[in-house]
Amino acid sequence: MFVTANGTKIETMLPCTIEEFLLRQDLLPRSVVVEHNGAAVAPSEFAQRWLQAGDRLEIVKIVAGG
């Protein structure tokens, strides 16, 4: 099954949560901001929000610095 993340089609085992998907992509859930099918998702919801085939994600890494 596929989801689209940042415009790239990615094959993954579905259904899975956003948190599981992020970890499979070697992304720490606390270090990203996620939009799921056009809606912002609070980090506290990553473990409860389920992905299905065809879903779209926008994932932005948080970078700290000065």
PDB file of N, CA and C in Angstrom:
ATOM      1  N   MET A   1       0.838  -1.178   0.000  1.00  0.00           N
ATOM      2  CA  MET A   1       0.000   0.000   0.000  1.00  0.00           C
ATOM      3  C   MET A   1       0.888   1.248   0.000  1.00  0.00           C
ATOM      4  N   PHE A   2       0.321   2.340  -0.474  1.00  0.00           N
ATOM      5  CA  PHE A   2       1.095   3.572  -0.617  1.00  0.00           C
ATOM      6  C   PHE A   2       0.422   4.753   0.079  1.00  0.00           C
ATOM      7  N   VAL A   3       1.254   5.633   0.619  1.00  0.00           N
ATOM      8  CA  VAL A   3       0.836   6.963   1.043  1.00  0.00           C
ATOM      9  C   VAL A   3       1.774   7.944   0.351  1.00  0.00           C
ATOM     10  N   THR A   4       1.359   9.179   0.258  1.00  0.00           N
ATOM     11  CA  THR A   4       2.201  10.204  -0.342  1.00  0.00           C
ATOM     12  C   THR A   4       2.696  11.121   0.760  1.00  0.00           C
ATOM     13  N   ALA A   5       4.008  11.233   0.883  1.00  0.00           N
ATOM     14  CA  ALA A   5       4.614  12.095   1.888  1.00  0.00           C
ATOM     15  C   ALA A   5       5.494  13.122   1.190  1.00  0.00           C
ATOM     16  N   ASN A   6       5.168  14.385   1.389  1.00  0.00           N
ATOM     17  CA  ASN A   6       5.901  15.489   0.760  1.00  0.00           C
ATOM     18  C   ASN A   6       6.012  15.299  -0.751  1.00  0.00           C
ATOM     19  N   GLY A   7       4.932  14.830  -1.350  1.00  0.00           N
ATOM     20  CA  GLY A   7       4.874  14.672  -2.797  1.00  0.00           C
ATOM     21  C   GLY A   7       5.487  13.393  -3.339  1.00  0.00           C
ATOM     22  N   THR A   8       6.016  12.534  -2.464  1.00  0.00           N
ATOM     23  CA  THR A   8       6.641  11.287  -2.892  1.00  0.00           C
ATOM     24  C   THR A   8       5.788  10.106  -2.457  1.00  0.00           C
ATOM     25  N   LYS A   9       5.492   9.231  -3.396  1.00  0.00           N
ATOM     26  CA  LYS A   9       4.717   8.028  -3.093  1.00  0.00           C
ATOM     27  C   LYS A   9       5.612   7.039  -2.359  1.00  0.00           C
ATOM     28  N   ILE A  10       5.186   6.606  -1.164  1.00  0.00           N
ATOM     29  CA  ILE A  10       5.988   5.718  -0.328  1.00  0.00           C
ATOM     30  C   ILE A  10       5.183   4.462  -0.018  1.00  0.00           C
ATOM     31  N   GLU A  11       5.812   3.314  -0.263  1.00  0.00           N
ATOM     32  CA  GLU A  11       5.165   2.040   0.053  1.00  0.00           C
ATOM     33  C   GLU A  11       5.379   1.737   1.526  1.00  0.00           C
ATOM     34  N   THR A  12       4.309   1.355   2.213  1.00  0.00           N
ATOM     35  CA  THR A  12       4.391   1.026   3.633  1.00  0.00           C
ATOM     36  C   THR A  12       3.289   0.036   3.989  1.00  0.00           C
ATOM     37  N   MET A  13       3.451  -0.634   5.108  1.00  0.00           N
ATOM     38  CA  MET A  13       2.421  -1.557   5.576  1.00  0.00           C
ATOM     39  C   MET A  13       1.293  -0.737   6.192  1.00  0.00           C
ATOM     40  N   LEU A  14       0.083  -0.948   5.711  1.00  0.00           N
ATOM     41  CA  LEU A  14      -1.084  -0.226   6.200  1.00  0.00           C
ATOM     42  C   LEU A  14      -2.140  -1.214   6.668  1.00  0.00           C
ATOM     43  N   PRO A  15      -3.016  -0.800   7.588  1.00  0.00           N
ATOM     44  CA  PRO A  15      -3.006   0.502   8.237  1.00  0.00           C
ATOM     45  C   PRO A  15      -1.897   0.596   9.267  1.00  0.00           C
ATOM     46  N   CYS A  16      -1.475   1.836   9.521  1.00  0.00           N
ATOM     47  CA  CYS A  16      -0.512   2.118  10.588  1.00  0.00           C
ATOM     48  C   CYS A  16      -0.798   3.523  11.087  1.00  0.00           C
ATOM     49  N   THR A  17      -0.262   3.844  12.238  1.00  0.00           N
ATOM     50  CA  THR A  17      -0.451   5.190  12.772  1.00  0.00           C
ATOM     51  C   THR A  17       0.594   6.126  12.171  1.00  0.00           C
ATOM     52  N   ILE A  18       0.349   7.413  12.311  1.00  0.00           N
ATOM     53  CA  ILE A  18       1.339   8.393  11.864  1.00  0.00           C
ATOM     54  C   ILE A  18       2.646   8.168  12.603  1.00  0.00           C
ATOM     55  N   GLU A  19       2.576   7.889  13.894  1.00  0.00           N
ATOM     56  CA  GLU A  19       3.789   7.646  14.673  1.00  0.00           C
ATOM     57  C   GLU A  19       4.580   6.464  14.116  1.00  0.00           C
ATOM     58  N   GLU A  20       3.907   5.365  13.808  1.00  0.00           N
ATOM     59  CA  GLU A  20       4.583   4.195  13.238  1.00  0.00           C
ATOM     60  C   GLU A  20       5.219   4.539  11.896  1.00  0.00           C
ATOM     61  N   PHE A  21       4.499   5.277  11.071  1.00  0.00           N
ATOM     62  CA  PHE A  21       5.025   5.668   9.767  1.00  0.00           C
ATOM     63  C   PHE A  21       6.277   6.523   9.921  1.00  0.00           C
ATOM     64  N   LEU A  22       6.228   7.498  10.813  1.00  0.00           N
ATOM     65  CA  LEU A  22       7.387   8.364  11.022  1.00  0.00           C
ATOM     66  C   LEU A  22       8.603   7.562  11.466  1.00  0.00           C
ATOM     67  N   LEU A  23       8.408   6.655  12.403  1.00  0.00           N
ATOM     68  CA  LEU A  23       9.522   5.839  12.889  1.00  0.00           C
ATOM     69  C   LEU A  23      10.094   4.962  11.781  1.00  0.00           C
ATOM     70  N   ARG A  24       9.244   4.443  10.893  1.00  0.00           N
ATOM     71  CA  ARG A  24       9.723   3.641   9.753  1.00  0.00           C
ATOM     72  C   ARG A  24      10.556   4.478   8.785  1.00  0.00           C
ATOM     73  N   GLN A  25      10.304   5.787   8.793  1.00  0.00           N
ATOM     74  CA  GLN A  25      11.066   6.698   7.919  1.00  0.00           C
ATOM     75  C   GLN A  25      12.273   7.288   8.648  1.00  0.00           C
ATOM     76  N   ASP A  26      12.584   6.739   9.819  1.00  0.00           N
ATOM     77  CA  ASP A  26      13.697   7.220  10.652  1.00  0.00           C
ATOM     78  C   ASP A  26      13.529   8.676  11.068  1.00  0.00           C
ATOM     79  N   LEU A  27      12.279   9.061  11.351  1.00  0.00           N
ATOM     80  CA  LEU A  27      11.978  10.403  11.843  1.00  0.00           C
ATOM     81  C   LEU A  27      11.452  10.293  13.271  1.00  0.00           C
ATOM     82  N   LEU A  28      11.991  11.098  14.158  1.00  0.00           N
ATOM     83  CA  LEU A  28      11.495  11.121  15.524  1.00  0.00           C
ATOM     84  C   LEU A  28      10.210  11.944  15.564  1.00  0.00           C
ATOM     85  N   PRO A  29       9.124  11.367  16.069  1.00  0.00           N
ATOM     86  CA  PRO A  29       7.850  12.100  16.092  1.00  0.00           C
ATOM     87  C   PRO A  29       7.924  13.466  16.766  1.00  0.00           C
ATOM     88  N   ARG A  30       8.772  13.619  17.763  1.00  0.00           N
ATOM     89  CA  ARG A  30       8.851  14.908  18.465  1.00  0.00           C
ATOM     90  C   ARG A  30       9.644  15.957  17.681  1.00  0.00           C
ATOM     91  N   SER A  31      10.234  15.558  16.550  1.00  0.00           N
ATOM     92  CA  SER A  31      11.060  16.500  15.792  1.00  0.00           C
ATOM     93  C   SER A  31      10.422  16.953  14.474  1.00  0.00           C
ATOM     94  N   VAL A  32       9.108  16.669  14.307  1.00  0.00           N
ATOM     95  CA  VAL A  32       8.439  17.030  13.057  1.00  0.00           C
ATOM     96  C   VAL A  32       7.064  17.649  13.318  1.00  0.00           C
ATOM     97  N   VAL A  33       6.592  18.355  12.302  1.00  0.00           N
ATOM     98  CA  VAL A  33       5.220  18.860  12.248  1.00  0.00           C
ATOM     99  C   VAL A  33       4.562  18.124  11.094  1.00  0.00           C
ATOM    100  N   VAL A  34       3.320  17.653  11.291  1.00  0.00           N
ATOM    101  CA  VAL A  34       2.664  16.823  10.278  1.00  0.00           C
ATOM    102  C   VAL A  34       1.291  17.383   9.914  1.00  0.00           C
ATOM    103  N   GLU A  35       1.025  17.357   8.606  1.00  0.00           N
ATOM    104  CA  GLU A  35      -0.302  17.652   8.075  1.00  0.00           C
ATOM    105  C   GLU A  35      -0.791  16.371   7.408  1.00  0.00           C
ATOM    106  N   HIS A  36      -1.996  15.919   7.761  1.00  0.00           N
ATOM    107  CA  HIS A  36      -2.574  14.674   7.242  1.00  0.00           C
ATOM    108  C   HIS A  36      -3.813  15.017   6.436  1.00  0.00           C
ATOM    109  N   ASN A  37      -3.762  14.745   5.147  1.00  0.00           N
ATOM    110  CA  ASN A  37      -4.877  15.043   4.240  1.00  0.00           C
ATOM    111  C   ASN A  37      -5.357  16.487   4.389  1.00  0.00           C
ATOM    112  N   GLY A  38      -4.402  17.411   4.516  1.00  0.00           N
ATOM    113  CA  GLY A  38      -4.718  18.831   4.558  1.00  0.00           C
ATOM    114  C   GLY A  38      -5.002  19.404   5.931  1.00  0.00           C
ATOM    115  N   ALA A  39      -5.000  18.582   6.974  1.00  0.00           N
ATOM    116  CA  ALA A  39      -5.286  19.062   8.329  1.00  0.00           C
ATOM    117  C   ALA A  39      -4.072  18.867   9.231  1.00  0.00           C
ATOM    118  N   ALA A  40      -3.739  19.897   9.996  1.00  0.00           N
ATOM    119  CA  ALA A  40      -2.629  19.797  10.940  1.00  0.00           C
ATOM    120  C   ALA A  40      -2.959  18.765  12.009  1.00  0.00           C
ATOM    121  N   VAL A  41      -1.937  18.008  12.424  1.00  0.00           N
ATOM    122  CA  VAL A  41      -2.109  16.973  13.444  1.00  0.00           C
ATOM    123  C   VAL A  41      -1.228  17.321  14.635  1.00  0.00           C
ATOM    124  N   ALA A  42      -1.827  17.369  15.819  1.00  0.00           N
ATOM    125  CA  ALA A  42      -1.059  17.621  17.044  1.00  0.00           C
ATOM    126  C   ALA A  42      -0.174  16.409  17.329  1.00  0.00           C
ATOM    127  N   PRO A  43       1.037  16.638  17.799  1.00  0.00           N
ATOM    128  CA  PRO A  43       1.927  15.506  18.112  1.00  0.00           C
ATOM    129  C   PRO A  43       1.291  14.495  19.062  1.00  0.00           C
ATOM    130  N   SER A  44       0.433  14.948  19.945  1.00  0.00           N
ATOM    131  CA  SER A  44      -0.231  14.036  20.882  1.00  0.00           C
ATOM    132  C   SER A  44      -1.187  13.081  20.172  1.00  0.00           C
ATOM    133  N   GLU A  45      -1.542  13.365  18.918  1.00  0.00           N
ATOM    134  CA  GLU A  45      -2.455  12.516  18.153  1.00  0.00           C
ATOM    135  C   GLU A  45      -1.739  11.536  17.225  1.00  0.00           C
ATOM    136  N   PHE A  46      -0.410  11.640  17.089  1.00  0.00           N
ATOM    137  CA  PHE A  46       0.326  10.796  16.145  1.00  0.00           C
ATOM    138  C   PHE A  46       0.077   9.306  16.386  1.00  0.00           C
ATOM    139  N   ALA A  47      -0.013   8.890  17.637  1.00  0.00           N
ATOM    140  CA  ALA A  47      -0.178   7.465  17.952  1.00  0.00           C
ATOM    141  C   ALA A  47      -1.622   6.992  17.777  1.00  0.00           C
ATOM    142  N   GLN A  48      -2.575   7.918  17.626  1.00  0.00           N
ATOM    143  CA  GLN A  48      -3.980   7.543  17.462  1.00  0.00           C
ATOM    144  C   GLN A  48      -4.512   7.771  16.048  1.00  0.00           C
ATOM    145  N   ARG A  49      -3.795   8.517  15.229  1.00  0.00           N
ATOM    146  CA  ARG A  49      -4.269   8.845  13.874  1.00  0.00           C
ATOM    147  C   ARG A  49      -3.798   7.776  12.913  1.00  0.00           C
ATOM    148  N   TRP A  50      -4.740   7.098  12.278  1.00  0.00           N
ATOM    149  CA  TRP A  50      -4.432   5.970  11.384  1.00  0.00           C
ATOM    150  C   TRP A  50      -4.323   6.420   9.937  1.00  0.00           C
ATOM    151  N   LEU A  51      -3.350   5.860   9.231  1.00  0.00           N
ATOM    152  CA  LEU A  51      -3.167   6.109   7.804  1.00  0.00           C
ATOM    153  C   LEU A  51      -3.811   4.997   7.001  1.00  0.00           C
ATOM    154  N   GLN A  52      -4.350   5.371   5.856  1.00  0.00           N
ATOM    155  CA  GLN A  52      -4.938   4.427   4.917  1.00  0.00           C
ATOM    156  C   GLN A  52      -4.308   4.657   3.539  1.00  0.00           C
ATOM    157  N   ALA A  53      -4.450   3.708   2.659  1.00  0.00           N
ATOM    158  CA  ALA A  53      -3.908   3.830   1.302  1.00  0.00           C
ATOM    159  C   ALA A  53      -4.420   5.111   0.649  1.00  0.00           C
ATOM    160  N   GLY A  54      -3.509   5.825   0.001  1.00  0.00           N
ATOM    161  CA  GLY A  54      -3.869   7.048  -0.705  1.00  0.00           C
ATOM    162  C   GLY A  54      -3.808   8.311   0.130  1.00  0.00           C
ATOM    163  N   ASP A  55      -3.591   8.188   1.434  1.00  0.00           N
ATOM    164  CA  ASP A  55      -3.499   9.375   2.279  1.00  0.00           C
ATOM    165  C   ASP A  55      -2.294  10.217   1.879  1.00  0.00           C
ATOM    166  N   ARG A  56      -2.386  11.516   2.201  1.00  0.00           N
ATOM    167  CA  ARG A  56      -1.315  12.454   1.882  1.00  0.00           C
ATOM    168  C   ARG A  56      -0.798  13.076   3.178  1.00  0.00           C
ATOM    169  N   LEU A  57       0.519  13.116   3.296  1.00  0.00           N
ATOM    170  CA  LEU A  57       1.172  13.729   4.449  1.00  0.00           C
ATOM    171  C   LEU A  57       2.118  14.815   3.975  1.00  0.00           C
ATOM    172  N   GLU A  58       2.185  15.871   4.746  1.00  0.00           N
ATOM    173  CA  GLU A  58       3.242  16.871   4.598  1.00  0.00           C
ATOM    174  C   GLU A  58       3.991  16.828   5.917  1.00  0.00           C
ATOM    175  N   ILE A  59       5.282  16.591   5.864  1.00  0.00           N
ATOM    176  CA  ILE A  59       6.100  16.442   7.053  1.00  0.00           C
ATOM    177  C   ILE A  59       7.224  17.468   6.995  1.00  0.00           C
ATOM    178  N   VAL A  60       7.324  18.281   8.042  1.00  0.00           N
ATOM    179  CA  VAL A  60       8.357  19.307   8.121  1.00  0.00           C
ATOM    180  C   VAL A  60       9.198  19.030   9.361  1.00  0.00           C
ATOM    181  N   LYS A  61      10.507  18.946   9.180  1.00  0.00           N
ATOM    182  CA  LYS A  61      11.411  18.767  10.313  1.00  0.00           C
ATOM    183  C   LYS A  61      11.583  20.086  11.041  1.00  0.00           C
ATOM    184  N   ILE A  62      11.551  19.996  12.359  1.00  0.00           N
ATOM    185  CA  ILE A  62      11.769  21.172  13.196  1.00  0.00           C
ATOM    186  C   ILE A  62      13.274  21.323  13.396  1.00  0.00           C
ATOM    187  N   VAL A  63      13.779  22.521  13.124  1.00  0.00           N
ATOM    188  CA  VAL A  63      15.208  22.785  13.268  1.00  0.00           C
ATOM    189  C   VAL A  63      15.374  23.931  14.250  1.00  0.00           C
ATOM    190  N   ALA A  64      16.192  23.696  15.259  1.00  0.00           N
ATOM    191  CA  ALA A  64      16.474  24.738  16.253  1.00  0.00           C
ATOM    192  C   ALA A  64      17.818  25.377  15.938  1.00  0.00           C
ATOM    193  N   GLY A  65      17.936  26.586  16.282  1.00  0.00           N
ATOM    194  CA  GLY A  65      19.207  27.264  16.045  1.00  0.00           C
ATOM    195  C   GLY A  65      19.063  28.760  16.222  1.00  0.00           C
ATOM    196  N   GLY A  66      20.136  29.429  16.014  1.00  0.00           N
ATOM    197  CA  GLY A  66      20.059  30.880  16.215  1.00  0.00           C
ATOM    198  C   GLY A  66      20.851  31.624  15.187  1.00  0.00           C
TER     199      GLY A  66
END
